[in-house]
PDB file of all heavy atoms in Angstrom:
ATOM      1  N   PHE A   1      88.581  94.602 111.970  1.00  0.00           N
ATOM      2  CA  PHE A   1      87.996  95.724 112.687  1.00  0.00           C
ATOM      3  C   PHE A   1      87.156  96.518 111.704  1.00  0.00           C
ATOM      4  O   PHE A   1      87.363  96.449 110.479  1.00  0.00           O
ATOM      5  CB  PHE A   1      89.092  96.619 113.310  1.00  0.00           C
ATOM      6  CG  PHE A   1      89.948  97.329 112.298  1.00  0.00           C
ATOM      7  CD1 PHE A   1      89.677  98.641 111.920  1.00  0.00           C
ATOM      8  CD2 PHE A   1      91.025  96.680 111.698  1.00  0.00           C
ATOM      9  CE1 PHE A   1      90.457  99.288 110.982  1.00  0.00           C
ATOM     10  CE2 PHE A   1      91.820  97.328 110.755  1.00  0.00           C
ATOM     11  CZ  PHE A   1      91.530  98.636 110.391  1.00  0.00           C
ATOM     12  N   LEU A   2      86.218  97.276 112.226  1.00  0.00           N
ATOM     13  CA  LEU A   2      85.358  98.091 111.381  1.00  0.00           C
ATOM     14  C   LEU A   2      86.032  99.440 111.141  1.00  0.00           C
ATOM     15  O   LEU A   2      86.318 100.179 112.089  1.00  0.00           O
ATOM     16  CB  LEU A   2      83.992  98.273 112.042  1.00  0.00           C
ATOM     17  CG  LEU A   2      83.229  96.975 112.331  1.00  0.00           C
ATOM     18  CD1 LEU A   2      81.901  97.271 113.017  1.00  0.00           C
ATOM     19  CD2 LEU A   2      83.001  96.178 111.059  1.00  0.00           C
ATOM     20  N   VAL A   3      86.302  99.746 109.887  1.00  0.00           N
ATOM     21  CA  VAL A   3      87.034 100.967 109.535  1.00  0.00           C
ATOM     22  C   VAL A   3      86.181 102.190 109.866  1.00  0.00           C
ATOM     23  O   VAL A   3      85.011 102.269 109.482  1.00  0.00           O
ATOM     24  CB  VAL A   3      87.405 100.960 108.042  1.00  0.00           C
ATOM     25  CG1 VAL A   3      88.103 102.252 107.653  1.00  0.00           C
ATOM     26  CG2 VAL A   3      88.294  99.753 107.731  1.00  0.00           C
ATOM     27  N   SER A   4      86.750 103.126 110.591  1.00  0.00           N
ATOM     28  CA  SER A   4      86.020 104.319 111.005  1.00  0.00           C
ATOM     29  C   SER A   4      85.939 105.330 109.867  1.00  0.00           C
ATOM     30  O   SER A   4      86.725 105.297 108.912  1.00  0.00           O
ATOM     31  CB  SER A   4      86.686 104.944 112.233  1.00  0.00           C
ATOM     32  OG  SER A   4      88.048 105.229 111.969  1.00  0.00           O
ATOM     33  N   PRO A   5      84.981 106.267 109.903  1.00  0.00           N
ATOM     34  CA  PRO A   5      84.747 107.179 108.774  1.00  0.00           C
ATOM     35  C   PRO A   5      85.954 108.023 108.383  1.00  0.00           C
ATOM     36  O   PRO A   5      86.276 108.133 107.192  1.00  0.00           O
ATOM     37  CB  PRO A   5      83.586 108.052 109.264  1.00  0.00           C
ATOM     38  CG  PRO A   5      82.864 107.194 110.248  1.00  0.00           C
ATOM     39  CD  PRO A   5      83.941 106.402 110.943  1.00  0.00           C
ATOM     40  N   THR A   6      86.624 108.622 109.361  1.00  0.00           N
ATOM     41  CA  THR A   6      87.764 109.471 109.028  1.00  0.00           C
ATOM     42  C   THR A   6      88.887 108.655 108.397  1.00  0.00           C
ATOM     43  O   THR A   6      89.500 109.070 107.412  1.00  0.00           O
ATOM     44  CB  THR A   6      88.289 110.188 110.287  1.00  0.00           C
ATOM     45  OG1 THR A   6      87.240 110.985 110.840  1.00  0.00           O
ATOM     46  CG2 THR A   6      89.477 111.082 109.953  1.00  0.00           C
ATOM     47  N   ILE A   7      89.150 107.490 108.977  1.00  0.00           N
ATOM     48  CA  ILE A   7      90.208 106.634 108.432  1.00  0.00           C
ATOM     49  C   ILE A   7      89.852 106.173 107.021  1.00  0.00           C
ATOM     50  O   ILE A   7      90.707 106.096 106.133  1.00  0.00           O
ATOM     51  CB  ILE A   7      90.463 105.431 109.353  1.00  0.00           C
ATOM     52  CG1 ILE A   7      90.838 105.906 110.769  1.00  0.00           C
ATOM     53  CG2 ILE A   7      91.566 104.544 108.789  1.00  0.00           C
ATOM     54  CD1 ILE A   7      91.998 106.865 110.825  1.00  0.00           C
ATOM     55  N   ALA A   8      88.579 105.853 106.778  1.00  0.00           N
ATOM     56  CA  ALA A   8      88.153 105.424 105.443  1.00  0.00           C
ATOM     57  C   ALA A   8      88.410 106.523 104.411  1.00  0.00           C
ATOM     58  O   ALA A   8      88.861 106.248 103.282  1.00  0.00           O
ATOM     59  CB  ALA A   8      86.673 105.054 105.461  1.00  0.00           C
ATOM     60  N   ARG A   9      88.139 107.763 104.787  1.00  0.00           N
ATOM     61  CA  ARG A   9      88.363 108.867 103.845  1.00  0.00           C
ATOM     62  C   ARG A   9      89.845 109.026 103.537  1.00  0.00           C
ATOM     63  O   ARG A   9      90.257 109.175 102.371  1.00  0.00           O
ATOM     64  CB  ARG A   9      87.799 110.174 104.431  1.00  0.00           C
ATOM     65  CG  ARG A   9      88.025 111.395 103.547  1.00  0.00           C
ATOM     66  CD  ARG A   9      87.272 112.595 104.102  1.00  0.00           C
ATOM     67  NE  ARG A   9      87.747 112.998 105.402  1.00  0.00           N
ATOM     68  CZ  ARG A   9      88.791 113.818 105.601  1.00  0.00           C
ATOM     69  NH1 ARG A   9      89.478 114.284 104.560  1.00  0.00           N
ATOM     70  NH2 ARG A   9      89.142 114.160 106.820  1.00  0.00           N
ATOM     71  N   LEU A  10      90.677 108.976 104.562  1.00  0.00           N
ATOM     72  CA  LEU A  10      92.118 109.106 104.358  1.00  0.00           C
ATOM     73  C   LEU A  10      92.678 107.902 103.600  1.00  0.00           C
ATOM     74  O   LEU A  10      93.617 108.035 102.809  1.00  0.00           O
ATOM     75  CB  LEU A  10      92.818 109.259 105.710  1.00  0.00           C
ATOM     76  CG  LEU A  10      92.460 110.522 106.504  1.00  0.00           C
ATOM     77  CD1 LEU A  10      93.071 110.467 107.889  1.00  0.00           C
ATOM     78  CD2 LEU A  10      92.914 111.774 105.768  1.00  0.00           C
ATOM     79  N   TRP A  11      92.112 106.731 103.830  1.00  0.00           N
ATOM     80  CA  TRP A  11      92.526 105.503 103.153  1.00  0.00           C
ATOM     81  C   TRP A  11      92.303 105.643 101.643  1.00  0.00           C
ATOM     82  O   TRP A  11      93.170 105.294 100.832  1.00  0.00           O
ATOM     83  CB  TRP A  11      91.718 104.337 103.695  1.00  0.00           C
ATOM     84  CG  TRP A  11      92.318 102.972 103.566  1.00  0.00           C
ATOM     85  CD1 TRP A  11      92.928 102.428 102.472  1.00  0.00           C
ATOM     86  CD2 TRP A  11      92.352 101.964 104.586  1.00  0.00           C
ATOM     87  NE1 TRP A  11      93.326 101.146 102.736  1.00  0.00           N
ATOM     88  CE2 TRP A  11      92.984 100.835 104.030  1.00  0.00           C
ATOM     89  CE3 TRP A  11      91.887 101.900 105.890  1.00  0.00           C
ATOM     90  CZ2 TRP A  11      93.162  99.651 104.750  1.00  0.00           C
ATOM     91  CZ3 TRP A  11      92.073 100.735 106.610  1.00  0.00           C
ATOM     92  CH2 TRP A  11      92.709  99.620 106.051  1.00  0.00           C
ATOM     93  N   ALA A  12      91.131 106.160 101.271  1.00  0.00           N
ATOM     94  CA  ALA A  12      90.828 106.338  99.850  1.00  0.00           C
ATOM     95  C   ALA A  12      91.785 107.334  99.200  1.00  0.00           C
ATOM     96  O   ALA A  12      92.256 107.118  98.068  1.00  0.00           O
ATOM     97  CB  ALA A  12      89.384 106.805  99.684  1.00  0.00           C
ATOM     98  N   LEU A  13      92.105 108.403  99.897  1.00  0.00           N
ATOM     99  CA  LEU A  13      93.056 109.387  99.364  1.00  0.00           C
ATOM    100  C   LEU A  13      94.436 108.768  99.194  1.00  0.00           C
ATOM    101  O   LEU A  13      95.104 108.971  98.176  1.00  0.00           O
ATOM    102  CB  LEU A  13      93.125 110.607 100.299  1.00  0.00           C
ATOM    103  CG  LEU A  13      91.876 111.481 100.377  1.00  0.00           C
ATOM    104  CD1 LEU A  13      92.028 112.519 101.490  1.00  0.00           C
ATOM    105  CD2 LEU A  13      91.621 112.177  99.039  1.00  0.00           C
ATOM    106  N   GLY A  14      94.876 108.001 100.190  1.00  0.00           N
ATOM    107  CA  GLY A  14      96.175 107.349 100.103  1.00  0.00           C
ATOM    108  C   GLY A  14      96.227 106.315  99.001  1.00  0.00           C
ATOM    109  O   GLY A  14      97.227 106.189  98.282  1.00  0.00           O
ATOM    110  N   GLY A  15      95.141 105.554  98.835  1.00  0.00           N
ATOM    111  CA  GLY A  15      95.103 104.550  97.781  1.00  0.00           C
ATOM    112  C   GLY A  15      95.193 105.160  96.401  1.00  0.00           C
ATOM    113  O   GLY A  15      95.857 104.613  95.507  1.00  0.00           O
ATOM    114  N   ALA A  16      94.528 106.298  96.210  1.00  0.00           N
ATOM    115  CA  ALA A  16      94.570 106.961  94.910  1.00  0.00           C
ATOM    116  C   ALA A  16      95.979 107.441  94.582  1.00  0.00           C
ATOM    117  O   ALA A  16      96.395 107.434  93.412  1.00  0.00           O
ATOM    118  CB  ALA A  16      93.595 108.130  94.903  1.00  0.00           C
ATOM    119  N   ARG A  17      96.738 107.840  95.586  1.00  0.00           N
ATOM    120  CA  ARG A  17      98.077 108.390  95.356  1.00  0.00           C
ATOM    121  C   ARG A  17      99.150 107.316  95.289  1.00  0.00           C
ATOM    122  O   ARG A  17     100.130 107.441  94.547  1.00  0.00           O
ATOM    123  CB  ARG A  17      98.415 109.392  96.474  1.00  0.00           C
ATOM    124  CG  ARG A  17      99.702 110.169  96.252  1.00  0.00           C
ATOM    125  CD  ARG A  17      99.867 111.256  97.293  1.00  0.00           C
ATOM    126  NE  ARG A  17     100.170 110.727  98.597  1.00  0.00           N
ATOM    127  CZ  ARG A  17     101.414 110.468  99.022  1.00  0.00           C
ATOM    128  NH1 ARG A  17     102.461 110.682  98.222  1.00  0.00           N
ATOM    129  NH2 ARG A  17     101.618 110.003 100.231  1.00  0.00           N
ATOM    130  N   LEU A  18      98.970 106.241  96.068  1.00  0.00           N
ATOM    131  CA  LEU A  18     100.060 105.282  96.255  1.00  0.00           C
ATOM    132  C   LEU A  18      99.738 103.868  95.783  1.00  0.00           C
ATOM    133  O   LEU A  18     100.544 102.960  95.965  1.00  0.00           O
ATOM    134  CB  LEU A  18     100.442 105.230  97.738  1.00  0.00           C
ATOM    135  CG  LEU A  18     100.935 106.538  98.350  1.00  0.00           C
ATOM    136  CD1 LEU A  18     100.967 106.441  99.872  1.00  0.00           C
ATOM    137  CD2 LEU A  18     102.311 106.904  97.812  1.00  0.00           C
ATOM    138  N   GLY A  19      98.590 103.681  95.167  1.00  0.00           N
ATOM    139  CA  GLY A  19      98.128 102.351  94.822  1.00  0.00           C
ATOM    140  C   GLY A  19      99.056 101.536  93.950  1.00  0.00           C
ATOM    141  O   GLY A  19      98.984 100.297  93.942  1.00  0.00           O
ATOM    142  N   LYS A  20      99.958 102.193  93.227  1.00  0.00           N
ATOM    143  CA  LYS A  20     100.860 101.463  92.334  1.00  0.00           C
ATOM    144  C   LYS A  20     102.237 101.212  92.955  1.00  0.00           C
ATOM    145  O   LYS A  20     103.105 100.629  92.310  1.00  0.00           O
ATOM    146  CB  LYS A  20     101.012 102.220  91.016  1.00  0.00           C
ATOM    147  CG  LYS A  20      99.710 102.279  90.220  1.00  0.00           C
ATOM    148  CD  LYS A  20      99.887 102.930  88.855  1.00  0.00           C
ATOM    149  CE  LYS A  20      98.564 102.917  88.084  1.00  0.00           C
ATOM    150  NZ  LYS A  20      98.694 103.547  86.749  1.00  0.00           N
ATOM    151  N   GLN A  21     102.422 101.624  94.188  1.00  0.00           N
ATOM    152  CA  GLN A  21     103.686 101.340  94.855  1.00  0.00           C
ATOM    153  C   GLN A  21     103.770  99.849  95.182  1.00  0.00           C
ATOM    154  O   GLN A  21     102.745  99.184  95.370  1.00  0.00           O
ATOM    155  CB  GLN A  21     103.824 102.173  96.134  1.00  0.00           C
ATOM    156  CG  GLN A  21     104.051 103.654  95.890  1.00  0.00           C
ATOM    157  CD  GLN A  21     105.360 103.953  95.180  1.00  0.00           C
ATOM    158  OE1 GLN A  21     106.341 103.234  95.341  1.00  0.00           O
ATOM    159  NE2 GLN A  21     105.366 105.012  94.384  1.00  0.00           N
ATOM    160  N   PRO A  22     104.983  99.296  95.280  1.00  0.00           N
ATOM    161  CA  PRO A  22     105.133  97.846  95.513  1.00  0.00           C
ATOM    162  C   PRO A  22     104.361  97.357  96.734  1.00  0.00           C
ATOM    163  O   PRO A  22     104.535  97.871  97.836  1.00  0.00           O
ATOM    164  CB  PRO A  22     106.648  97.681  95.716  1.00  0.00           C
ATOM    165  CG  PRO A  22     107.254  98.825  94.980  1.00  0.00           C
ATOM    166  CD  PRO A  22     106.288  99.966  95.141  1.00  0.00           C
ATOM    167  N   GLY A  23     103.502  96.381  96.536  1.00  0.00           N
ATOM    168  CA  GLY A  23     102.797  95.724  97.623  1.00  0.00           C
ATOM    169  C   GLY A  23     101.575  96.445  98.145  1.00  0.00           C
ATOM    170  O   GLY A  23     100.796  95.867  98.908  1.00  0.00           O
ATOM    171  N   PHE A  24     101.370  97.704  97.773  1.00  0.00           N
ATOM    172  CA  PHE A  24     100.299  98.485  98.405  1.00  0.00           C
ATOM    173  C   PHE A  24      98.914  97.915  98.108  1.00  0.00           C
ATOM    174  O   PHE A  24      98.109  97.667  99.015  1.00  0.00           O
ATOM    175  CB  PHE A  24     100.362  99.947  97.961  1.00  0.00           C
ATOM    176  CG  PHE A  24      99.428 100.847  98.728  1.00  0.00           C
ATOM    177  CD1 PHE A  24      99.867 101.522  99.848  1.00  0.00           C
ATOM    178  CD2 PHE A  24      98.099 100.999  98.347  1.00  0.00           C
ATOM    179  CE1 PHE A  24      99.004 102.340 100.576  1.00  0.00           C
ATOM    180  CE2 PHE A  24      97.230 101.810  99.059  1.00  0.00           C
ATOM    181  CZ  PHE A  24      97.689 102.478 100.173  1.00  0.00           C
ATOM    182  N   ALA A  25      98.614  97.725  96.824  1.00  0.00           N
ATOM    183  CA  ALA A  25      97.275  97.280  96.453  1.00  0.00           C
ATOM    184  C   ALA A  25      96.950  95.921  97.048  1.00  0.00           C
ATOM    185  O   ALA A  25      95.824  95.679  97.521  1.00  0.00           O
ATOM    186  CB  ALA A  25      97.138  97.253  94.926  1.00  0.00           C
ATOM    187  N   ASN A  26      97.930  95.010  97.056  1.00  0.00           N
ATOM    188  CA  ASN A  26      97.684  93.659  97.577  1.00  0.00           C
ATOM    189  C   ASN A  26      97.288  93.663  99.044  1.00  0.00           C
ATOM    190  O   ASN A  26      96.515  92.808  99.495  1.00  0.00           O
ATOM    191  CB  ASN A  26      98.929  92.783  97.397  1.00  0.00           C
ATOM    192  CG  ASN A  26      99.141  92.397  95.944  1.00  0.00           C
ATOM    193  OD1 ASN A  26      98.257  92.546  95.115  1.00  0.00           O
ATOM    194  ND2 ASN A  26     100.340  91.911  95.636  1.00  0.00           N
ATOM    195  N   HIS A  27      97.827  94.620  99.788  1.00  0.00           N
ATOM    196  CA  HIS A  27      97.584  94.638 101.231  1.00  0.00           C
ATOM    197  C   HIS A  27      96.491  95.604 101.665  1.00  0.00           C
ATOM    198  O   HIS A  27      95.796  95.347 102.655  1.00  0.00           O
ATOM    199  CB  HIS A  27      98.879  94.977 101.974  1.00  0.00           C
ATOM    200  CG  HIS A  27      99.865  93.854 102.009  1.00  0.00           C
ATOM    201  ND1 HIS A  27      99.888  92.909 103.013  1.00  0.00           N
ATOM    202  CD2 HIS A  27     100.844  93.501 101.150  1.00  0.00           C
ATOM    203  CE1 HIS A  27     100.848  92.035 102.779  1.00  0.00           C
ATOM    204  NE2 HIS A  27     101.450  92.375 101.654  1.00  0.00           N
ATOM    205  N   PHE A  28      96.340  96.718 100.966  1.00  0.00           N
ATOM    206  CA  PHE A  28      95.458  97.776 101.464  1.00  0.00           C
ATOM    207  C   PHE A  28      94.289  98.132 100.553  1.00  0.00           C
ATOM    208  O   PHE A  28      93.480  98.982 100.926  1.00  0.00           O
ATOM    209  CB  PHE A  28      96.277  99.038 101.761  1.00  0.00           C
ATOM    210  CG  PHE A  28      97.157  98.907 102.973  1.00  0.00           C
ATOM    211  CD1 PHE A  28      98.539  98.963 102.863  1.00  0.00           C
ATOM    212  CD2 PHE A  28      96.606  98.712 104.230  1.00  0.00           C
ATOM    213  CE1 PHE A  28      99.351  98.832 103.973  1.00  0.00           C
ATOM    214  CE2 PHE A  28      97.409  98.580 105.355  1.00  0.00           C
ATOM    215  CZ  PHE A  28      98.783  98.640 105.227  1.00  0.00           C
ATOM    216  N   LEU A  29      94.187  97.499  99.406  1.00  0.00           N
ATOM    217  CA  LEU A  29      93.063  97.781  98.511  1.00  0.00           C
ATOM    218  C   LEU A  29      92.326  96.480  98.176  1.00  0.00           C
ATOM    219  O   LEU A  29      92.415  95.954  97.071  1.00  0.00           O
ATOM    220  CB  LEU A  29      93.557  98.471  97.228  1.00  0.00           C
ATOM    221  CG  LEU A  29      94.282  99.807  97.409  1.00  0.00           C
ATOM    222  CD1 LEU A  29      94.734 100.358  96.064  1.00  0.00           C
ATOM    223  CD2 LEU A  29      93.402 100.818  98.144  1.00  0.00           C
ATOM    224  N   PRO A  30      91.596  95.938  99.140  1.00  0.00           N
ATOM    225  CA  PRO A  30      90.850  94.700  98.866  1.00  0.00           C
ATOM    226  C   PRO A  30      89.835  94.934  97.754  1.00  0.00           C
ATOM    227  O   PRO A  30      89.161  95.965  97.725  1.00  0.00           O
ATOM    228  CB  PRO A  30      90.157  94.406 100.206  1.00  0.00           C
ATOM    229  CG  PRO A  30      90.105  95.731 100.911  1.00  0.00           C
ATOM    230  CD  PRO A  30      91.349  96.462 100.490  1.00  0.00           C
ATOM    231  N   CYS A  31      89.758  94.016  96.831  1.00  0.00           N
ATOM    232  CA  CYS A  31      88.855  94.141  95.677  1.00  0.00           C
ATOM    233  C   CYS A  31      89.154  95.387  94.859  1.00  0.00           C
ATOM    234  O   CYS A  31      88.278  95.938  94.179  1.00  0.00           O
ATOM    235  CB  CYS A  31      87.395  94.142  96.115  1.00  0.00           C
ATOM    236  SG  CYS A  31      86.907  92.667  97.059  1.00  0.00           S
ATOM    237  N   GLY A  32      90.395  95.875  94.966  1.00  0.00           N
ATOM    238  CA  GLY A  32      90.824  96.988  94.133  1.00  0.00           C
ATOM    239  C   GLY A  32      90.475  98.365  94.629  1.00  0.00           C
ATOM    240  O   GLY A  32      90.724  99.359  93.924  1.00  0.00           O
ATOM    241  N   LYS A  33      89.935  98.489  95.845  1.00  0.00           N
ATOM    242  CA  LYS A  33      89.592  99.817  96.349  1.00  0.00           C
ATOM    243  C   LYS A  33      89.710  99.856  97.870  1.00  0.00           C
ATOM    244  O   LYS A  33      89.735  98.817  98.541  1.00  0.00           O
ATOM    245  CB  LYS A  33      88.177 100.208  95.928  1.00  0.00           C
ATOM    246  CG  LYS A  33      87.098  99.269  96.422  1.00  0.00           C
ATOM    247  CD  LYS A  33      85.730  99.701  95.908  1.00  0.00           C
ATOM    248  CE  LYS A  33      84.625  98.766  96.416  1.00  0.00           C
ATOM    249  NZ  LYS A  33      83.301  99.182  95.909  1.00  0.00           N
ATOM    250  N   ALA A  34      89.782 101.079  98.387  1.00  0.00           N
ATOM    251  CA  ALA A  34      89.904 101.255  99.831  1.00  0.00           C
ATOM    252  C   ALA A  34      88.611 100.821 100.523  1.00  0.00           C
ATOM    253  O   ALA A  34      87.516 100.950  99.958  1.00  0.00           O
ATOM    254  CB  ALA A  34      90.200 102.721 100.146  1.00  0.00           C
ATOM    255  N   PRO A  35      88.692 100.322 101.749  1.00  0.00           N
ATOM    256  CA  PRO A  35      87.485  99.930 102.483  1.00  0.00           C
ATOM    257  C   PRO A  35      86.598 101.132 102.790  1.00  0.00           C
ATOM    258  O   PRO A  35      87.089 102.260 102.968  1.00  0.00           O
ATOM    259  CB  PRO A  35      88.022  99.290 103.758  1.00  0.00           C
ATOM    260  CG  PRO A  35      89.409  99.817 103.907  1.00  0.00           C
ATOM    261  CD  PRO A  35      89.915 100.048 102.519  1.00  0.00           C
ATOM    262  N   LEU A  36      85.311 100.904 102.856  1.00  0.00           N
ATOM    263  CA  LEU A  36      84.334 101.948 103.150  1.00  0.00           C
ATOM    264  C   LEU A  36      84.133 102.079 104.653  1.00  0.00           C
ATOM    265  O   LEU A  36      84.494 101.180 105.420  1.00  0.00           O
ATOM    266  CB  LEU A  36      83.011 101.608 102.477  1.00  0.00           C
ATOM    267  CG  LEU A  36      83.031 101.515 100.950  1.00  0.00           C
ATOM    268  CD1 LEU A  36      81.694 100.993 100.433  1.00  0.00           C
ATOM    269  CD2 LEU A  36      83.374 102.861 100.336  1.00  0.00           C
ATOM    270  N   PRO A  37      83.551 103.190 105.115  1.00  0.00           N
ATOM    271  CA  PRO A  37      83.244 103.312 106.544  1.00  0.00           C
ATOM    272  C   PRO A  37      82.378 102.151 107.018  1.00  0.00           C
ATOM    273  O   PRO A  37      81.392 101.784 106.377  1.00  0.00           O
ATOM    274  CB  PRO A  37      82.488 104.643 106.624  1.00  0.00           C
ATOM    275  CG  PRO A  37      82.949 105.422 105.443  1.00  0.00           C
ATOM    276  CD  PRO A  37      83.183 104.409 104.362  1.00  0.00           C
ATOM    277  N   GLY A  38      82.755 101.551 108.125  1.00  0.00           N
ATOM    278  CA  GLY A  38      82.012 100.435 108.677  1.00  0.00           C
ATOM    279  C   GLY A  38      82.345  99.090 108.080  1.00  0.00           C
ATOM    280  O   GLY A  38      81.828  98.061 108.540  1.00  0.00           O
ATOM    281  N   GLN A  39      83.223  99.064 107.078  1.00  0.00           N
ATOM    282  CA  GLN A  39      83.589  97.793 106.451  1.00  0.00           C
ATOM    283  C   GLN A  39      84.609  97.051 107.308  1.00  0.00           C
ATOM    284  O   GLN A  39      85.521  97.651 107.878  1.00  0.00           O
ATOM    285  CB  GLN A  39      84.166  98.051 105.062  1.00  0.00           C
ATOM    286  CG  GLN A  39      84.516  96.787 104.282  1.00  0.00           C
ATOM    287  CD  GLN A  39      84.949  97.094 102.856  1.00  0.00           C
ATOM    288  OE1 GLN A  39      84.637  98.153 102.300  1.00  0.00           O
ATOM    289  NE2 GLN A  39      85.698  96.174 102.250  1.00  0.00           N
ATOM    290  N   LEU A  40      84.443  95.730 107.403  1.00  0.00           N
ATOM    291  CA  LEU A  40      85.383  94.910 108.156  1.00  0.00           C
ATOM    292  C   LEU A  40      86.658  94.729 107.337  1.00  0.00           C
ATOM    293  O   LEU A  40      86.608  94.366 106.163  1.00  0.00           O
ATOM    294  CB  LEU A  40      84.769  93.546 108.459  1.00  0.00           C
ATOM    295  CG  LEU A  40      85.592  92.621 109.370  1.00  0.00           C
ATOM    296  CD1 LEU A  40      85.559  93.137 110.800  1.00  0.00           C
ATOM    297  CD2 LEU A  40      85.033  91.197 109.309  1.00  0.00           C
ATOM    298  N   PHE A  41      87.797  95.001 107.959  1.00  0.00           N
ATOM    299  CA  PHE A  41      89.082  94.843 107.275  1.00  0.00           C
ATOM    300  C   PHE A  41      89.972  93.929 108.093  1.00  0.00           C
ATOM    301  O   PHE A  41      90.200  94.157 109.284  1.00  0.00           O
ATOM    302  CB  PHE A  41      89.775  96.191 107.080  1.00  0.00           C
ATOM    303  CG  PHE A  41      91.103  96.091 106.360  1.00  0.00           C
ATOM    304  CD1 PHE A  41      91.148  95.968 104.979  1.00  0.00           C
ATOM    305  CD2 PHE A  41      92.297  96.100 107.068  1.00  0.00           C
ATOM    306  CE1 PHE A  41      92.360  95.851 104.308  1.00  0.00           C
ATOM    307  CE2 PHE A  41      93.521  95.994 106.411  1.00  0.00           C
ATOM    308  CZ  PHE A  41      93.540  95.866 105.023  1.00  0.00           C
TER     309      PHE A  41
END
């Protein structure tokens, strides 16, 4: 699905805070970062 702008912003904030928790980066940070608005996830 195409990530919407508000969700993309919250995703980036969550990734910065929780990226080192078990399993988080592997599932929610493709290529090491949160998806951008309009990016297919």
